[in-house]
């Protein structure tokens, strides 16, 4: 945890709201905001190893836990996202290729007793970020879908 904090500080990415116990992501003590996680994704997108990193994430609709929900959707193969879940927690983070050809970092973190019902919200945010569902969600969620250039 100390090495991670030092690295984040060195890169100008450390935020006081971050709490790391062991870095596994399974601790109820660990904390990171969607905004901070999105900044990390944007930082990674500007690095030489970005394409290898993005390729390590499951392609939506083709691999991983987001494989079946989007069958036949224009979103299939257009985003690379890691999901996460615990009781009362759902997360989605990675990259989306927009209808305009631009890549965007996307982060959604839900911490609520009904988080398991978040599938439609995740799908709507994914569609909105890709530019395929502007009418699905009129107001963008704060800190999600931030655009980056590389």
Protein backbone atom coordinates (compact mmCIF):
# COMPACT_ATOMS: atom_id res chain seq x y z
CA UNK A 1 0.00 0.00 0.00
CA UNK A 2 2.85 2.39 0.81
CA UNK A 3 4.57 1.76 -2.55
CA UNK A 4 1.29 2.44 -4.36
CA UNK A 5 0.78 5.71 -2.49
CA UNK A 6 4.36 6.79 -3.26
CA UNK A 7 3.93 6.00 -6.96
CA UNK A 8 0.58 7.83 -7.16
CA UNK A 9 2.10 10.84 -5.37
CA UNK A 10 5.11 10.86 -7.71
CA UNK A 11 2.77 10.87 -10.73
CA UNK A 12 0.54 13.60 -9.28
CA UNK A 13 -2.41 11.21 -9.00
CA UNK A 14 -2.67 10.82 -5.22
CA UNK A 15 -5.84 12.10 -3.58
CA UNK A 16 -6.51 12.22 0.16
CA UNK A 17 -9.79 10.32 -0.30
CA UNK A 18 -7.84 7.24 -1.40
CA UNK A 19 -7.42 4.45 1.16
CA UNK A 20 -5.46 1.30 0.31
CA UNK A 21 -5.12 -1.61 2.72
CA UNK A 22 -3.63 -4.32 0.53
CA UNK A 23 -4.51 -3.37 -3.06
CA UNK A 24 -6.54 -6.51 -3.76
CA UNK A 25 -9.82 -4.65 -4.18
CA UNK A 26 -11.56 -7.06 -1.82
CA UNK A 27 -11.16 -5.00 1.33
CA UNK A 28 -14.10 -3.04 2.74
CA UNK A 29 -11.54 -0.51 4.02
CA UNK A 30 -10.15 0.47 0.62
CA UNK A 31 -11.55 3.59 -1.01
CA UNK A 32 -11.18 5.39 -4.33
CA UNK A 33 -13.60 7.79 -5.99
CA UNK A 34 -14.84 7.38 -9.55
CA UNK A 35 -13.05 10.63 -10.40
CA UNK A 36 -9.70 9.35 -9.09
CA UNK A 37 -10.06 6.00 -10.84
CA UNK A 38 -10.94 7.80 -14.07
CA UNK A 39 -7.81 9.98 -13.73
CA UNK A 40 -5.75 6.78 -13.41
CA UNK A 41 -7.34 5.43 -16.59
CA UNK A 42 -6.62 8.70 -18.40
CA UNK A 43 -3.02 8.59 -17.16
CA UNK A 44 -2.66 5.02 -18.44
CA UNK A 45 -4.14 6.04 -21.81
CA UNK A 46 -1.32 8.54 -22.31
CA UNK A 47 1.42 5.94 -21.67
CA UNK A 48 3.24 3.87 -24.32
CA UNK A 49 1.81 0.60 -22.92
CA UNK A 50 -1.81 1.82 -23.21
CA UNK A 51 -2.84 -0.56 -25.99
CA UNK A 52 -1.46 -3.58 -24.14
CA UNK A 53 -3.23 -2.44 -20.98
CA UNK A 54 -6.55 -1.81 -22.75
CA UNK A 55 -6.28 -5.19 -24.51
CA UNK A 56 -5.97 -6.85 -21.10
CA UNK A 57 -9.48 -5.64 -20.25
CA UNK A 58 -12.44 -7.76 -21.41
CA UNK A 59 -14.04 -6.58 -24.67
CA UNK A 60 -17.67 -5.77 -23.90
CA UNK A 61 -20.11 -8.24 -25.38
CA UNK A 62 -17.33 -10.65 -26.33
CA UNK A 63 -15.54 -11.57 -23.09
CA UNK A 64 -15.98 -11.45 -19.35
CA UNK A 65 -19.07 -10.63 -17.31
CA UNK A 66 -20.39 -8.10 -19.85
CA UNK A 67 -20.55 -10.75 -22.60
CA UNK A 68 -24.22 -11.71 -22.79
CA UNK A 69 -26.12 -8.56 -21.71
CA UNK A 70 -25.28 -6.71 -24.93
CA UNK A 71 -25.93 -9.41 -27.55
CA UNK A 72 -26.62 -7.70 -30.87
CA UNK A 73 -25.91 -4.21 -29.52
CA UNK A 74 -23.74 -1.75 -31.49
CA UNK A 75 -21.66 -1.56 -28.28
CA UNK A 76 -20.30 -5.09 -28.75
CA UNK A 77 -16.52 -4.94 -29.11
CA UNK A 78 -16.48 -1.14 -28.74
CA UNK A 79 -15.42 -0.97 -25.09
CA UNK A 80 -12.88 -2.60 -22.82
CA UNK A 81 -14.14 -2.71 -19.25
CA UNK A 82 -13.36 -4.39 -15.96
CA UNK A 83 -16.32 -5.10 -13.73
CA UNK A 84 -16.31 -5.69 -10.00
CA UNK A 85 -18.89 -6.70 -7.47
CA UNK A 86 -19.32 -7.31 -3.77
CA UNK A 87 -22.54 -7.36 -1.75
CA UNK A 88 -23.99 -3.88 -2.19
CA UNK A 89 -21.22 -2.75 -4.55
CA UNK A 90 -20.91 -2.69 -8.35
CA UNK A 91 -18.12 -1.20 -10.40
CA UNK A 92 -17.31 -0.71 -14.06
CA UNK A 93 -14.13 0.95 -15.36
CA UNK A 94 -12.22 1.05 -18.61
CA UNK A 95 -12.39 2.56 -22.08
CA UNK A 96 -15.17 3.15 -24.61
CA UNK A 97 -14.78 3.82 -28.33
CA UNK A 98 -17.36 6.46 -29.19
CA UNK A 99 -19.47 6.67 -32.31
CA UNK A 100 -17.23 9.61 -33.26
CA UNK A 101 -14.13 7.36 -33.19
CA UNK A 102 -12.71 8.89 -30.01
CA UNK A 103 -11.76 6.79 -27.00
CA UNK A 104 -13.06 7.81 -23.59
CA UNK A 105 -12.27 6.65 -20.07
CA UNK A 106 -15.34 5.49 -18.17
CA UNK A 107 -15.82 4.77 -14.47
CA UNK A 108 -19.00 3.90 -12.60
CA UNK A 109 -18.98 2.95 -8.91
CA UNK A 110 -22.20 2.11 -7.08
CA UNK A 111 -22.29 1.55 -3.32
CA UNK A 112 -25.89 0.81 -2.34
CA UNK A 113 -27.84 -2.11 -0.93
CA UNK A 114 -29.59 -2.50 -4.33
CA UNK A 115 -26.37 -2.25 -6.37
CA UNK A 116 -27.02 -5.67 -7.95
CA UNK A 117 -29.87 -4.04 -9.91
CA UNK A 118 -27.45 -1.62 -11.62
CA UNK A 119 -27.25 -3.44 -14.97
CA UNK A 120 -29.60 -1.05 -16.81
CA UNK A 121 -27.74 1.97 -15.39
CA UNK A 122 -24.41 0.52 -16.52
CA UNK A 123 -25.81 -0.14 -20.00
CA UNK A 124 -27.29 3.38 -20.27
CA UNK A 125 -24.02 5.02 -19.17
CA UNK A 126 -22.06 2.87 -21.61
CA UNK A 127 -24.41 3.81 -24.47
CA UNK A 128 -24.34 7.50 -23.50
CA UNK A 129 -20.53 7.54 -23.31
CA UNK A 130 -20.29 5.88 -26.72
CA UNK A 131 -22.63 8.52 -28.14
CA UNK A 132 -25.29 5.95 -28.93
CA UNK A 133 -27.84 6.83 -26.30
CA UNK A 134 -27.95 10.55 -25.64
CA UNK A 135 -31.68 10.32 -25.16
CA UNK A 136 -31.34 7.49 -22.62
CA UNK A 137 -29.59 9.72 -20.10
CA UNK A 138 -30.02 13.45 -20.59
CA UNK A 139 -27.55 14.54 -17.89
CA UNK A 140 -24.09 12.98 -17.71
CA UNK A 141 -23.07 11.61 -14.32
CA UNK A 142 -20.28 13.56 -12.62
CA UNK A 143 -16.75 12.27 -13.19
CA UNK A 144 -17.78 9.53 -15.59
CA UNK A 145 -16.99 9.31 -19.27
CA UNK A 146 -14.29 11.98 -19.16
CA UNK A 147 -12.71 12.39 -22.57
CA UNK A 148 -9.00 11.98 -23.04
CA UNK A 149 -6.69 12.52 -25.99
CA UNK A 150 -3.63 10.52 -26.89
